[in-house]
Amino acid sequence: MTIFRLGYVAMSVHVENASPSQTMTYKQFSSLQDREAAVHKLERIASSNLHNTLRLLKHNRAHGITFFRMSSKLVPLATHEELADWKYYVSLSNELKEIGNYAKQNQIRIDFHPDHFVVLNTPNKDKFKFSLHVLKYHYRLLHGMGIDPTHRCVLHLGGGYNNKEESLERFIENWSYIPTGIQKMIMLENDDTLYTMEDCLYISQKLMIPFIFDIHHHLANYDHLNWEENLDRVLHTWEGSSLPVKMHISSPKSQDEFKSHAPYIDKEMFLNFVQKSNGSTKQIDCMIEAKQKDDALFRLVSDLSTEPNIEFITPTTFKFHG
């Protein structure tokens, strides 16, 4: 029997004034004549973002939520070329340690999903270098938190660049240029337009990278509809990880806007996944990607609690009897 744990992404609709993604543009930064004062202002914004992240973790703990994706926008302009000398990870070390300590003490799994412009199969060397730079930023945040960075960053395979097969092979070729510490951070996810479950499994198995199955993306873009036929292959990619298997759950906004995320999760769609994957592994962590964030999690818990085959063992983890 499998334990299913629910988590959500970055923001809360219940905790007021707790955005972890407050920002400052480079135009705003450069308009300040005193650069030192401008950097201090950046640090105040970042400190506020980190403080709000800690508030969200405390909110999560109060509701029994132990799985959370942090915002990648915690430190504005951290990857900007004009701020290459800014050691934000030193200035913000106390705030980072506080988040890490809280997460570890309360056994909260935290991770990141860097933005779509982080692509490792790009033929453009400058874009590849910048992608590594952004991943190094995530590495430094996790290291500053005292969190083992291994398998903490979700990525898509990247672009097609007019030749999908060549682009898949370029991912493998580029992998050899990625520092080992960054390699260990990465998990791969299928997307809703180009790279399918089969494509990701090809790369994941070849390079021993954990694969995150996104069922909504799969329904929008698949080679073979019956994803459960590949479930053993998915689980195999996680055998070298100390973390539980992870998947993404979201629901289509509508048939016309199928790829867009709905505000909440379709219970029947999720139950179909639960039923088919139950008993396959010890635990599956299910990251809810829905517009209503934590409220979508709360509603899904409420919907599932009426199901006779569902047994909740904590407020956000359950077993399926069936």
C-alpha atoms as a PDB file:
ATOM      1  CA  MET A   1       0.000   0.000   0.000  1.00  0.00           C
ATOM      2  CA  THR A   2       1.302   3.435  -0.977  1.00  0.00           C
ATOM      3  CA  ILE A   3       1.260   6.586   1.146  1.00  0.00           C
ATOM      4  CA  PHE A   4       0.242   9.667  -0.864  1.00  0.00           C
ATOM      5  CA  ARG A   5       1.422  13.048   0.435  1.00  0.00           C
ATOM      6  CA  LEU A   6      -0.030  16.328  -0.843  1.00  0.00           C
ATOM      7  CA  GLY A   7       1.858  19.592  -1.307  1.00  0.00           C
ATOM      8  CA  TYR A   8       1.386  22.910  -3.085  1.00  0.00           C
ATOM      9  CA  VAL A   9       3.353  25.639  -4.844  1.00  0.00           C
ATOM     10  CA  ALA A  10       5.024  28.790  -3.502  1.00  0.00           C
ATOM     11  CA  MET A  11       2.084  30.996  -2.459  1.00  0.00           C
ATOM     12  CA  SER A  12      -0.866  30.897  -0.068  1.00  0.00           C
ATOM     13  CA  VAL A  13      -4.301  32.372  -0.672  1.00  0.00           C
ATOM     14  CA  HIS A  14      -4.991  32.153   3.067  1.00  0.00           C
ATOM     15  CA  VAL A  15      -1.931  33.877   4.565  1.00  0.00           C
ATOM     16  CA  GLU A  16      -2.202  37.616   3.927  1.00  0.00           C
ATOM     17  CA  ASN A  17       0.714  39.790   2.785  1.00  0.00           C
ATOM     18  CA  ALA A  18       3.056  36.818   2.515  1.00  0.00           C
ATOM     19  CA  SER A  19       4.398  36.979  -1.014  1.00  0.00           C
ATOM     20  CA  PRO A  20       7.816  35.299  -1.332  1.00  0.00           C
ATOM     21  CA  SER A  21       8.271  36.829  -4.795  1.00  0.00           C
ATOM     22  CA  GLN A  22       8.463  40.576  -4.185  1.00  0.00           C
ATOM     23  CA  THR A  23      10.834  42.032  -6.720  1.00  0.00           C
ATOM     24  CA  MET A  24      12.862  44.952  -7.976  1.00  0.00           C
ATOM     25  CA  THR A  25      13.709  45.493 -11.636  1.00  0.00           C
ATOM     26  CA  TYR A  26      17.205  46.297 -12.799  1.00  0.00           C
ATOM     27  CA  LYS A  27      15.875  49.616 -14.125  1.00  0.00           C
ATOM     28  CA  GLN A  28      14.710  50.496 -10.618  1.00  0.00           C
ATOM     29  CA  PHE A  29      17.995  49.308  -9.155  1.00  0.00           C
ATOM     30  CA  SER A  30      20.140  51.293 -11.590  1.00  0.00           C
ATOM     31  CA  SER A  31      18.075  54.438 -11.092  1.00  0.00           C
ATOM     32  CA  LEU A  32      19.413  54.690  -7.536  1.00  0.00           C
ATOM     33  CA  GLN A  33      22.629  56.710  -7.585  1.00  0.00           C
ATOM     34  CA  ASP A  34      24.085  55.132  -4.455  1.00  0.00           C
ATOM     35  CA  ARG A  35      24.865  51.529  -5.459  1.00  0.00           C
ATOM     36  CA  GLU A  36      25.495  50.408  -1.905  1.00  0.00           C
ATOM     37  CA  ALA A  37      22.097  51.738  -0.837  1.00  0.00           C
ATOM     38  CA  ALA A  38      20.525  50.038  -3.866  1.00  0.00           C
ATOM     39  CA  VAL A  39      22.058  46.697  -2.846  1.00  0.00           C
ATOM     40  CA  HIS A  40      20.783  47.175   0.703  1.00  0.00           C
ATOM     41  CA  LYS A  41      17.308  47.772  -0.695  1.00  0.00           C
ATOM     42  CA  LEU A  42      17.578  44.529  -2.690  1.00  0.00           C
ATOM     43  CA  GLU A  43      18.620  42.715   0.466  1.00  0.00           C
ATOM     44  CA  ARG A  44      15.636  44.114   2.377  1.00  0.00           C
ATOM     45  CA  ILE A  45      13.275  42.812  -0.337  1.00  0.00           C
ATOM     46  CA  ALA A  46      14.980  39.419  -0.350  1.00  0.00           C
ATOM     47  CA  SER A  47      14.896  39.281   3.447  1.00  0.00           C
ATOM     48  CA  SER A  48      11.150  39.981   3.334  1.00  0.00           C
ATOM     49  CA  ASN A  49      10.678  37.190   0.773  1.00  0.00           C
ATOM     50  CA  LEU A  50      12.588  34.756   2.965  1.00  0.00           C
ATOM     51  CA  HIS A  51      10.658  35.867   6.054  1.00  0.00           C
ATOM     52  CA  ASN A  52       7.402  35.246   4.176  1.00  0.00           C
ATOM     53  CA  THR A  53       8.659  31.823   3.099  1.00  0.00           C
ATOM     54  CA  LEU A  54       9.200  30.978   6.753  1.00  0.00           C
ATOM     55  CA  ARG A  55       5.678  32.242   7.527  1.00  0.00           C
ATOM     56  CA  LEU A  56       4.335  29.938   4.813  1.00  0.00           C
ATOM     57  CA  LEU A  57       6.234  26.984   6.257  1.00  0.00           C
ATOM     58  CA  LYS A  58       4.729  27.730   9.677  1.00  0.00           C
ATOM     59  CA  HIS A  59       1.271  27.983   8.087  1.00  0.00           C
ATOM     60  CA  ASN A  60       1.924  24.637   6.412  1.00  0.00           C
ATOM     61  CA  ARG A  61       3.017  22.990   9.641  1.00  0.00           C
ATOM     62  CA  ALA A  62      -0.132  24.241  11.388  1.00  0.00           C
ATOM     63  CA  HIS A  63      -2.185  22.446   8.727  1.00  0.00           C
ATOM     64  CA  GLY A  64      -0.070  19.311   8.586  1.00  0.00           C
ATOM     65  CA  ILE A  65       1.449  20.131   5.174  1.00  0.00           C
ATOM     66  CA  THR A  66       4.982  18.743   4.863  1.00  0.00           C
ATOM     67  CA  PHE A  67       5.618  19.180   1.136  1.00  0.00           C
ATOM     68  CA  PHE A  68       6.202  22.620  -0.404  1.00  0.00           C
ATOM     69  CA  ARG A  69       7.758  24.159  -3.493  1.00  0.00           C
ATOM     70  CA  MET A  70       9.499  27.453  -2.786  1.00  0.00           C
ATOM     71  CA  SER A  71       9.483  30.428  -5.122  1.00  0.00           C
ATOM     72  CA  SER A  72      12.532  30.786  -7.359  1.00  0.00           C
ATOM     73  CA  LYS A  73      12.184  34.573  -7.019  1.00  0.00           C
ATOM     74  CA  LEU A  74      13.329  34.751  -3.417  1.00  0.00           C
ATOM     75  CA  VAL A  75      16.327  36.983  -4.203  1.00  0.00           C
ATOM     76  CA  PRO A  76      15.608  39.569  -6.922  1.00  0.00           C
ATOM     77  CA  LEU A  77      18.392  40.215  -9.470  1.00  0.00           C
ATOM     78  CA  ALA A  78      20.597  37.531  -7.909  1.00  0.00           C
ATOM     79  CA  THR A  79      21.464  36.203 -11.370  1.00  0.00           C
ATOM     80  CA  HIS A  80      21.817  39.567 -13.135  1.00  0.00           C
ATOM     81  CA  GLU A  81      25.220  40.043 -14.748  1.00  0.00           C
ATOM     82  CA  GLU A  82      25.611  43.535 -13.292  1.00  0.00           C
ATOM     83  CA  LEU A  83      25.341  42.120  -9.775  1.00  0.00           C
ATOM     84  CA  ALA A  84      27.873  39.308 -10.173  1.00  0.00           C
ATOM     85  CA  ASP A  85      29.864  40.666  -7.215  1.00  0.00           C
ATOM     86  CA  TRP A  86      26.877  40.588  -4.842  1.00  0.00           C
ATOM     87  CA  LYS A  87      27.278  37.797  -2.281  1.00  0.00           C
ATOM     88  CA  TYR A  88      23.583  37.614  -1.393  1.00  0.00           C
ATOM     89  CA  TYR A  89      24.056  34.166   0.145  1.00  0.00           C
ATOM     90  CA  VAL A  90      26.364  35.733   2.738  1.00  0.00           C
ATOM     91  CA  SER A  91      24.172  38.769   3.452  1.00  0.00           C
ATOM     92  CA  LEU A  92      21.084  36.565   3.827  1.00  0.00           C
ATOM     93  CA  SER A  93      22.766  33.653   5.584  1.00  0.00           C
ATOM     94  CA  ASN A  94      20.772  33.960   8.822  1.00  0.00           C
ATOM     95  CA  GLU A  95      17.427  34.030   7.016  1.00  0.00           C
ATOM     96  CA  LEU A  96      18.405  31.062   4.838  1.00  0.00           C
ATOM     97  CA  LYS A  97      19.547  29.010   7.837  1.00  0.00           C
ATOM     98  CA  GLU A  98      16.298  29.754   9.656  1.00  0.00           C
ATOM     99  CA  ILE A  99      14.241  28.373   6.757  1.00  0.00           C
ATOM    100  CA  GLY A 100      16.415  25.286   6.447  1.00  0.00           C
ATOM    101  CA  ASN A 101      16.396  24.574  10.162  1.00  0.00           C
ATOM    102  CA  TYR A 102      12.613  24.920  10.336  1.00  0.00           C
ATOM    103  CA  ALA A 103      12.097  22.636   7.339  1.00  0.00           C
ATOM    104  CA  LYS A 104      14.424  19.982   8.755  1.00  0.00           C
ATOM    105  CA  GLN A 105      13.026  20.151  12.289  1.00  0.00           C
ATOM    106  CA  ASN A 106       9.494  19.684  10.961  1.00  0.00           C
ATOM    107  CA  GLN A 107      10.419  17.175   8.232  1.00  0.00           C
ATOM    108  CA  ILE A 108       9.092  19.391   5.439  1.00  0.00           C
ATOM    109  CA  ARG A 109      10.238  18.464   1.948  1.00  0.00           C
ATOM    110  CA  ILE A 110      11.102  21.645   0.056  1.00  0.00           C
ATOM    111  CA  ASP A 111      12.295  22.129  -3.499  1.00  0.00           C
ATOM    112  CA  PHE A 112      12.315  24.485  -6.509  1.00  0.00           C
ATOM    113  CA  HIS A 113      11.116  24.615 -10.108  1.00  0.00           C
ATOM    114  CA  PRO A 114      13.394  27.101 -11.950  1.00  0.00           C
ATOM    115  CA  ASP A 115      11.804  29.177 -14.703  1.00  0.00           C
ATOM    116  CA  HIS A 116      11.216  27.902 -18.235  1.00  0.00           C
ATOM    117  CA  PHE A 117      14.209  29.828 -19.608  1.00  0.00           C
ATOM    118  CA  VAL A 118      16.554  27.403 -17.824  1.00  0.00           C
ATOM    119  CA  VAL A 119      17.254  25.018 -20.721  1.00  0.00           C
ATOM    120  CA  LEU A 120      20.082  22.509 -20.777  1.00  0.00           C
ATOM    121  CA  ASN A 121      19.659  21.331 -24.360  1.00  0.00           C
ATOM    122  CA  THR A 122      20.104  24.734 -25.981  1.00  0.00           C
ATOM    123  CA  PRO A 123      22.608  24.995 -28.854  1.00  0.00           C
ATOM    124  CA  ASN A 124      23.375  28.562 -27.718  1.00  0.00           C
ATOM    125  CA  LYS A 125      26.435  28.558 -25.451  1.00  0.00           C
ATOM    126  CA  ASP A 126      25.521  31.839 -23.749  1.00  0.00           C
ATOM    127  CA  LYS A 127      22.030  30.569 -22.902  1.00  0.00           C
ATOM    128  CA  PHE A 128      23.533  27.345 -21.604  1.00  0.00           C
ATOM    129  CA  LYS A 129      25.956  29.265 -19.379  1.00  0.00           C
ATOM    130  CA  PHE A 130      23.140  31.451 -18.076  1.00  0.00           C
ATOM    131  CA  SER A 131      21.040  28.350 -17.318  1.00  0.00           C
ATOM    132  CA  LEU A 132      23.925  26.972 -15.260  1.00  0.00           C
ATOM    133  CA  HIS A 133      24.222  30.349 -13.545  1.00  0.00           C
ATOM    134  CA  VAL A 134      20.546  30.224 -12.519  1.00  0.00           C
ATOM    135  CA  LEU A 135      20.932  26.649 -11.278  1.00  0.00           C
ATOM    136  CA  LYS A 136      23.966  27.703  -9.250  1.00  0.00           C
ATOM    137  CA  TYR A 137      21.764  30.375  -7.632  1.00  0.00           C
ATOM    138  CA  HIS A 138      19.331  27.642  -6.535  1.00  0.00           C
ATOM    139  CA  TYR A 139      22.240  25.528  -5.327  1.00  0.00           C
ATOM    140  CA  ARG A 140      23.520  28.407  -3.191  1.00  0.00           C
ATOM    141  CA  LEU A 141      20.081  28.972  -1.656  1.00  0.00           C
ATOM    142  CA  LEU A 142      19.752  25.306  -0.705  1.00  0.00           C
ATOM    143  CA  HIS A 143      23.328  25.171   0.558  1.00  0.00           C
ATOM    144  CA  GLY A 144      22.696  28.306   2.620  1.00  0.00           C
ATOM    145  CA  MET A 145      19.619  26.629   4.103  1.00  0.00           C
ATOM    146  CA  GLY A 146      21.694  23.605   5.040  1.00  0.00           C
ATOM    147  CA  ILE A 147      19.478  21.458   2.807  1.00  0.00           C
ATOM    148  CA  ASP A 148      21.082  18.710   0.727  1.00  0.00           C
ATOM    149  CA  PRO A 149      20.574  20.025  -2.844  1.00  0.00           C
ATOM    150  CA  THR A 150      20.232  16.501  -4.267  1.00  0.00           C
ATOM    151  CA  HIS A 151      17.009  16.178  -6.304  1.00  0.00           C
ATOM    152  CA  ARG A 152      15.604  19.573  -5.341  1.00  0.00           C
ATOM    153  CA  CYS A 153      15.177  21.289  -8.743  1.00  0.00           C
ATOM    154  CA  VAL A 154      12.587  20.325 -11.367  1.00  0.00           C
ATOM    155  CA  LEU A 155      13.379  21.038 -15.026  1.00  0.00           C
ATOM    156  CA  HIS A 156      11.790  20.386 -18.394  1.00  0.00           C
ATOM    157  CA  LEU A 157      13.952  18.890 -21.119  1.00  0.00           C
ATOM    158  CA  GLY A 158      14.022  22.198 -23.005  1.00  0.00           C
ATOM    159  CA  GLY A 159      13.355  23.353 -26.551  1.00  0.00           C
ATOM    160  CA  GLY A 160      12.937  21.447 -29.780  1.00  0.00           C
ATOM    161  CA  TYR A 161      15.092  23.740 -31.941  1.00  0.00           C
ATOM    162  CA  ASN A 162      13.480  22.416 -35.150  1.00  0.00           C
ATOM    163  CA  ASN A 163      14.763  18.898 -34.522  1.00  0.00           C
ATOM    164  CA  LYS A 164      13.446  17.079 -31.477  1.00  0.00           C
ATOM    165  CA  GLU A 165      15.690  14.029 -31.797  1.00  0.00           C
ATOM    166  CA  GLU A 166      18.858  16.106 -32.115  1.00  0.00           C
ATOM    167  CA  SER A 167      17.735  18.238 -29.183  1.00  0.00           C
ATOM    168  CA  LEU A 168      17.277  15.144 -27.020  1.00  0.00           C
ATOM    169  CA  GLU A 169      20.798  14.008 -27.848  1.00  0.00           C
ATOM    170  CA  ARG A 170      22.126  17.513 -27.212  1.00  0.00           C
ATOM    171  CA  PHE A 171      20.763  17.296 -23.665  1.00  0.00           C
ATOM    172  CA  ILE A 172      22.926  14.198 -23.155  1.00  0.00           C
ATOM    173  CA  GLU A 173      25.937  15.903 -24.732  1.00  0.00           C
ATOM    174  CA  ASN A 174      25.520  19.075 -22.660  1.00  0.00           C
ATOM    175  CA  TRP A 175      25.115  17.038 -19.481  1.00  0.00           C
ATOM    176  CA  SER A 176      28.834  16.311 -19.463  1.00  0.00           C
ATOM    177  CA  TYR A 177      29.545  20.058 -19.148  1.00  0.00           C
ATOM    178  CA  ILE A 178      27.375  20.445 -16.048  1.00  0.00           C
ATOM    179  CA  PRO A 179      29.186  20.372 -12.670  1.00  0.00           C
ATOM    180  CA  THR A 180      28.416  17.262 -10.642  1.00  0.00           C
ATOM    181  CA  GLY A 181      26.815  19.242  -7.808  1.00  0.00           C
ATOM    182  CA  ILE A 182      24.354  20.835 -10.227  1.00  0.00           C
ATOM    183  CA  GLN A 183      23.674  17.492 -11.938  1.00  0.00           C
ATOM    184  CA  LYS A 184      22.660  15.975  -8.612  1.00  0.00           C
ATOM    185  CA  MET A 185      20.063  18.719  -8.032  1.00  0.00           C
ATOM    186  CA  ILE A 186      18.058  17.993 -11.153  1.00  0.00           C
ATOM    187  CA  MET A 187      14.802  16.120 -11.683  1.00  0.00           C
ATOM    188  CA  LEU A 188      13.060  15.985 -15.074  1.00  0.00           C
ATOM    189  CA  GLU A 189       9.393  16.533 -15.913  1.00  0.00           C
ATOM    190  CA  ASN A 190       7.386  15.876 -19.060  1.00  0.00           C
ATOM    191  CA  ASP A 191       5.839  18.964 -20.674  1.00  0.00           C
ATOM    192  CA  ASP A 192       2.476  19.612 -22.307  1.00  0.00           C
ATOM    193  CA  THR A 193       3.714  20.449 -25.809  1.00  0.00           C
ATOM    194  CA  LEU A 194       6.921  18.738 -26.899  1.00  0.00           C
ATOM    195  CA  TYR A 195       8.695  16.233 -24.651  1.00  0.00           C
ATOM    196  CA  THR A 196       6.554  13.295 -23.585  1.00  0.00           C
ATOM    197  CA  MET A 197       6.800  10.786 -20.776  1.00  0.00           C
ATOM    198  CA  GLU A 198       8.693   8.457 -23.145  1.00  0.00           C
ATOM    199  CA  ASP A 199      11.182  11.199 -24.063  1.00  0.00           C
ATOM    200  CA  CYS A 200      11.888  12.041 -20.440  1.00  0.00           C
ATOM    201  CA  LEU A 201      12.276   8.397 -19.469  1.00  0.00           C
ATOM    202  CA  TYR A 202      14.784   7.926 -22.280  1.00  0.00           C
ATOM    203  CA  ILE A 203      16.964  10.704 -20.825  1.00  0.00           C
ATOM    204  CA  SER A 204      16.260   9.881 -17.167  1.00  0.00           C
ATOM    205  CA  GLN A 205      17.241   6.239 -17.536  1.00  0.00           C
ATOM    206  CA  LYS A 206      20.322   7.040 -19.607  1.00  0.00           C
ATOM    207  CA  LEU A 207      21.652   9.690 -17.199  1.00  0.00           C
ATOM    208  CA  MET A 208      20.116   8.368 -13.951  1.00  0.00           C
ATOM    209  CA  ILE A 209      17.977  11.451 -13.311  1.00  0.00           C
ATOM    210  CA  PRO A 210      14.718  11.087 -11.312  1.00  0.00           C
ATOM    211  CA  PHE A 211      11.645  11.594 -13.490  1.00  0.00           C
ATOM    212  CA  ILE A 212       8.599  13.507 -12.245  1.00  0.00           C
ATOM    213  CA  PHE A 213       5.425  12.386 -13.965  1.00  0.00           C
ATOM    214  CA  ASP A 214       2.947  15.210 -14.663  1.00  0.00           C
ATOM    215  CA  ILE A 215      -0.375  13.567 -15.452  1.00  0.00           C
ATOM    216  CA  HIS A 216      -2.015  16.749 -16.801  1.00  0.00           C
ATOM    217  CA  HIS A 217       0.888  17.344 -19.187  1.00  0.00           C
ATOM    218  CA  HIS A 218       0.699  13.708 -20.222  1.00  0.00           C
ATOM    219  CA  LEU A 219      -2.964  13.989 -21.126  1.00  0.00           C
ATOM    220  CA  ALA A 220      -2.158  17.063 -23.221  1.00  0.00           C
ATOM    221  CA  ASN A 221       0.889  15.515 -24.916  1.00  0.00           C
ATOM    222  CA  TYR A 222       1.549  11.790 -25.046  1.00  0.00           C
ATOM    223  CA  ASP A 223       2.982   8.976 -27.147  1.00  0.00           C
ATOM    224  CA  HIS A 224       0.859   6.326 -25.452  1.00  0.00           C
ATOM    225  CA  LEU A 225      -2.115   7.280 -23.298  1.00  0.00           C
ATOM    226  CA  ASN A 226      -1.730   4.420 -20.818  1.00  0.00           C
ATOM    227  CA  TRP A 227       0.916   5.961 -18.583  1.00  0.00           C
ATOM    228  CA  GLU A 228       0.654   3.117 -16.074  1.00  0.00           C
ATOM    229  CA  GLU A 229       2.489   0.863 -18.530  1.00  0.00           C
ATOM    230  CA  ASN A 230       5.596   2.952 -17.823  1.00  0.00           C
ATOM    231  CA  LEU A 231       5.138   3.247 -14.066  1.00  0.00           C
ATOM    232  CA  ASP A 232       7.859   0.713 -13.246  1.00  0.00           C
ATOM    233  CA  ARG A 233      10.295   2.687 -15.393  1.00  0.00           C
ATOM    234  CA  VAL A 234       9.345   5.897 -13.574  1.00  0.00           C
ATOM    235  CA  LEU A 235       9.924   4.298 -10.168  1.00  0.00           C
ATOM    236  CA  HIS A 236      13.252   2.884 -11.305  1.00  0.00           C
ATOM    237  CA  THR A 237      14.577   6.426 -11.922  1.00  0.00           C
ATOM    238  CA  TRP A 238      14.041   7.165  -8.204  1.00  0.00           C
ATOM    239  CA  GLU A 239      15.943   4.174  -6.868  1.00  0.00           C
ATOM    240  CA  GLY A 240      19.079   6.225  -6.217  1.00  0.00           C
ATOM    241  CA  SER A 241      17.252   9.039  -4.409  1.00  0.00           C
ATOM    242  CA  SER A 242      16.807   9.437  -0.669  1.00  0.00           C
ATOM    243  CA  LEU A 243      13.542  11.307  -1.339  1.00  0.00           C
ATOM    244  CA  PRO A 244      10.139   9.751  -2.073  1.00  0.00           C
ATOM    245  CA  VAL A 245       8.890   9.535  -5.650  1.00  0.00           C
ATOM    246  CA  LYS A 246       7.363  12.833  -6.766  1.00  0.00           C
ATOM    247  CA  MET A 247       4.618  13.596  -9.278  1.00  0.00           C
ATOM    248  CA  HIS A 248       2.676  16.689 -10.359  1.00  0.00           C
ATOM    249  CA  ILE A 249      -1.092  16.934 -10.293  1.00  0.00           C
ATOM    250  CA  SER A 250      -3.195  19.624 -11.943  1.00  0.00           C
ATOM    251  CA  SER A 251      -6.454  19.719 -13.872  1.00  0.00           C
ATOM    252  CA  PRO A 252      -7.372  21.342 -17.205  1.00  0.00           C
ATOM    253  CA  LYS A 253      -9.084  24.706 -16.935  1.00  0.00           C
ATOM    254  CA  SER A 254     -11.511  23.633 -19.683  1.00  0.00           C
ATOM    255  CA  GLN A 255     -11.565  21.600 -22.869  1.00  0.00           C
ATOM    256  CA  ASP A 256     -10.838  24.751 -24.878  1.00  0.00           C
ATOM    257  CA  GLU A 257      -8.011  25.726 -22.525  1.00  0.00           C
ATOM    258  CA  PHE A 258      -6.852  22.211 -21.750  1.00  0.00           C
ATOM    259  CA  LYS A 259      -3.222  23.078 -21.041  1.00  0.00           C
ATOM    260  CA  SER A 260      -4.064  25.835 -18.560  1.00  0.00           C
ATOM    261  CA  HIS A 261      -4.292  24.945 -14.876  1.00  0.00           C
ATOM    262  CA  ALA A 262      -7.704  24.990 -13.250  1.00  0.00           C
ATOM    263  CA  PRO A 263      -8.212  26.741  -9.909  1.00  0.00           C
ATOM    264  CA  TYR A 264      -8.806  23.392  -8.192  1.00  0.00           C
ATOM    265  CA  ILE A 265      -8.103  19.685  -8.688  1.00  0.00           C
ATOM    266  CA  ASP A 266     -10.551  17.327 -10.349  1.00  0.00           C
ATOM    267  CA  LYS A 267     -11.021  14.628  -7.711  1.00  0.00           C
ATOM    268  CA  GLU A 268     -11.884  11.861 -10.167  1.00  0.00           C
ATOM    269  CA  MET A 269      -8.818  12.560 -12.299  1.00  0.00           C
ATOM    270  CA  PHE A 270      -6.596  12.363  -9.238  1.00  0.00           C
ATOM    271  CA  LEU A 271      -8.314   9.249  -7.879  1.00  0.00           C
ATOM    272  CA  ASN A 272      -7.669   7.524 -11.198  1.00  0.00           C
ATOM    273  CA  PHE A 273      -3.944   8.133 -10.684  1.00  0.00           C
ATOM    274  CA  VAL A 274      -4.102   7.014  -7.053  1.00  0.00           C
ATOM    275  CA  GLN A 275      -5.914   3.795  -7.893  1.00  0.00           C
ATOM    276  CA  LYS A 276      -3.524   2.866 -10.704  1.00  0.00           C
ATOM    277  CA  SER A 277      -0.341   3.660  -8.773  1.00  0.00           C
ATOM    278  CA  ASN A 278      -1.395   2.331  -5.372  1.00  0.00           C
ATOM    279  CA  GLY A 279       0.925  -0.391  -4.106  1.00  0.00           C
ATOM    280  CA  SER A 280       3.641   0.400  -6.633  1.00  0.00           C
ATOM    281  CA  THR A 281       6.005   2.061  -4.151  1.00  0.00           C
ATOM    282  CA  LYS A 282       6.186   3.075  -0.487  1.00  0.00           C
ATOM    283  CA  GLN A 283       5.331   6.767  -0.958  1.00  0.00           C
ATOM    284  CA  ILE A 284       4.411   9.215  -3.710  1.00  0.00           C
ATOM    285  CA  ASP A 285       4.553  12.955  -3.051  1.00  0.00           C
ATOM    286  CA  CYS A 286       1.924  14.750  -5.129  1.00  0.00           C
ATOM    287  CA  MET A 287       2.608  18.413  -5.885  1.00  0.00           C
ATOM    288  CA  ILE A 288      -0.622  20.300  -6.583  1.00  0.00           C
ATOM    289  CA  GLU A 289      -0.232  22.892  -9.333  1.00  0.00           C
ATOM    290  CA  ALA A 290      -3.473  24.850  -9.162  1.00  0.00           C
ATOM    291  CA  LYS A 291      -4.384  28.520  -9.276  1.00  0.00           C
ATOM    292  CA  GLN A 292      -5.844  28.450  -5.780  1.00  0.00           C
ATOM    293  CA  LYS A 293      -2.609  27.134  -4.228  1.00  0.00           C
ATOM    294  CA  ASP A 294      -3.160  25.916  -0.646  1.00  0.00           C
ATOM    295  CA  ASP A 295      -6.919  26.298  -0.948  1.00  0.00           C
ATOM    296  CA  ALA A 296      -6.830  23.760  -3.787  1.00  0.00           C
ATOM    297  CA  LEU A 297      -5.053  21.382  -1.417  1.00  0.00           C
ATOM    298  CA  PHE A 298      -7.605  21.960   1.331  1.00  0.00           C
ATOM    299  CA  ARG A 299     -10.491  21.386  -1.065  1.00  0.00           C
ATOM    300  CA  LEU A 300      -8.942  18.198  -2.432  1.00  0.00           C
ATOM    301  CA  VAL A 301      -8.501  16.888   1.123  1.00  0.00           C
ATOM    302  CA  SER A 302     -12.146  17.686   1.811  1.00  0.00           C
ATOM    303  CA  ASP A 303     -13.260  15.970  -1.409  1.00  0.00           C
ATOM    304  CA  LEU A 304     -11.170  12.885  -0.708  1.00  0.00           C
ATOM    305  CA  SER A 305     -12.344  12.599   2.896  1.00  0.00           C
ATOM    306  CA  THR A 306     -15.793  11.540   1.676  1.00  0.00           C
ATOM    307  CA  GLU A 307     -14.331   8.599  -0.254  1.00  0.00           C
ATOM    308  CA  PRO A 308     -14.787   5.254   1.569  1.00  0.00           C
ATOM    309  CA  ASN A 309     -11.487   3.888   0.215  1.00  0.00           C
ATOM    310  CA  ILE A 310      -9.413   6.826   1.480  1.00  0.00           C
ATOM    311  CA  GLU A 311      -7.825   6.721   4.931  1.00  0.00           C
ATOM    312  CA  PHE A 312      -6.076   9.908   6.056  1.00  0.00           C
ATOM    313  CA  ILE A 313      -3.123   9.211   8.358  1.00  0.00           C
ATOM    314  CA  THR A 314      -2.178  12.908   8.735  1.00  0.00           C
ATOM    315  CA  PRO A 315      -4.124  15.966   7.558  1.00  0.00           C
ATOM    316  CA  THR A 316      -2.426  15.761   4.125  1.00  0.00           C
ATOM    317  CA  THR A 317      -1.260  12.153   3.717  1.00  0.00           C
ATOM    318  CA  PHE A 318      -3.491   9.199   3.044  1.00  0.00           C
ATOM    319  CA  LYS A 319      -3.720   5.563   2.028  1.00  0.00           C
ATOM    320  CA  PHE A 320      -6.035   4.090  -0.579  1.00  0.00           C
ATOM    321  CA  HIS A 321      -7.809   0.817   0.228  1.00  0.00           C
ATOM    322  CA  GLY A 322      -8.966  -0.757  -2.979  1.00  0.00           C
END
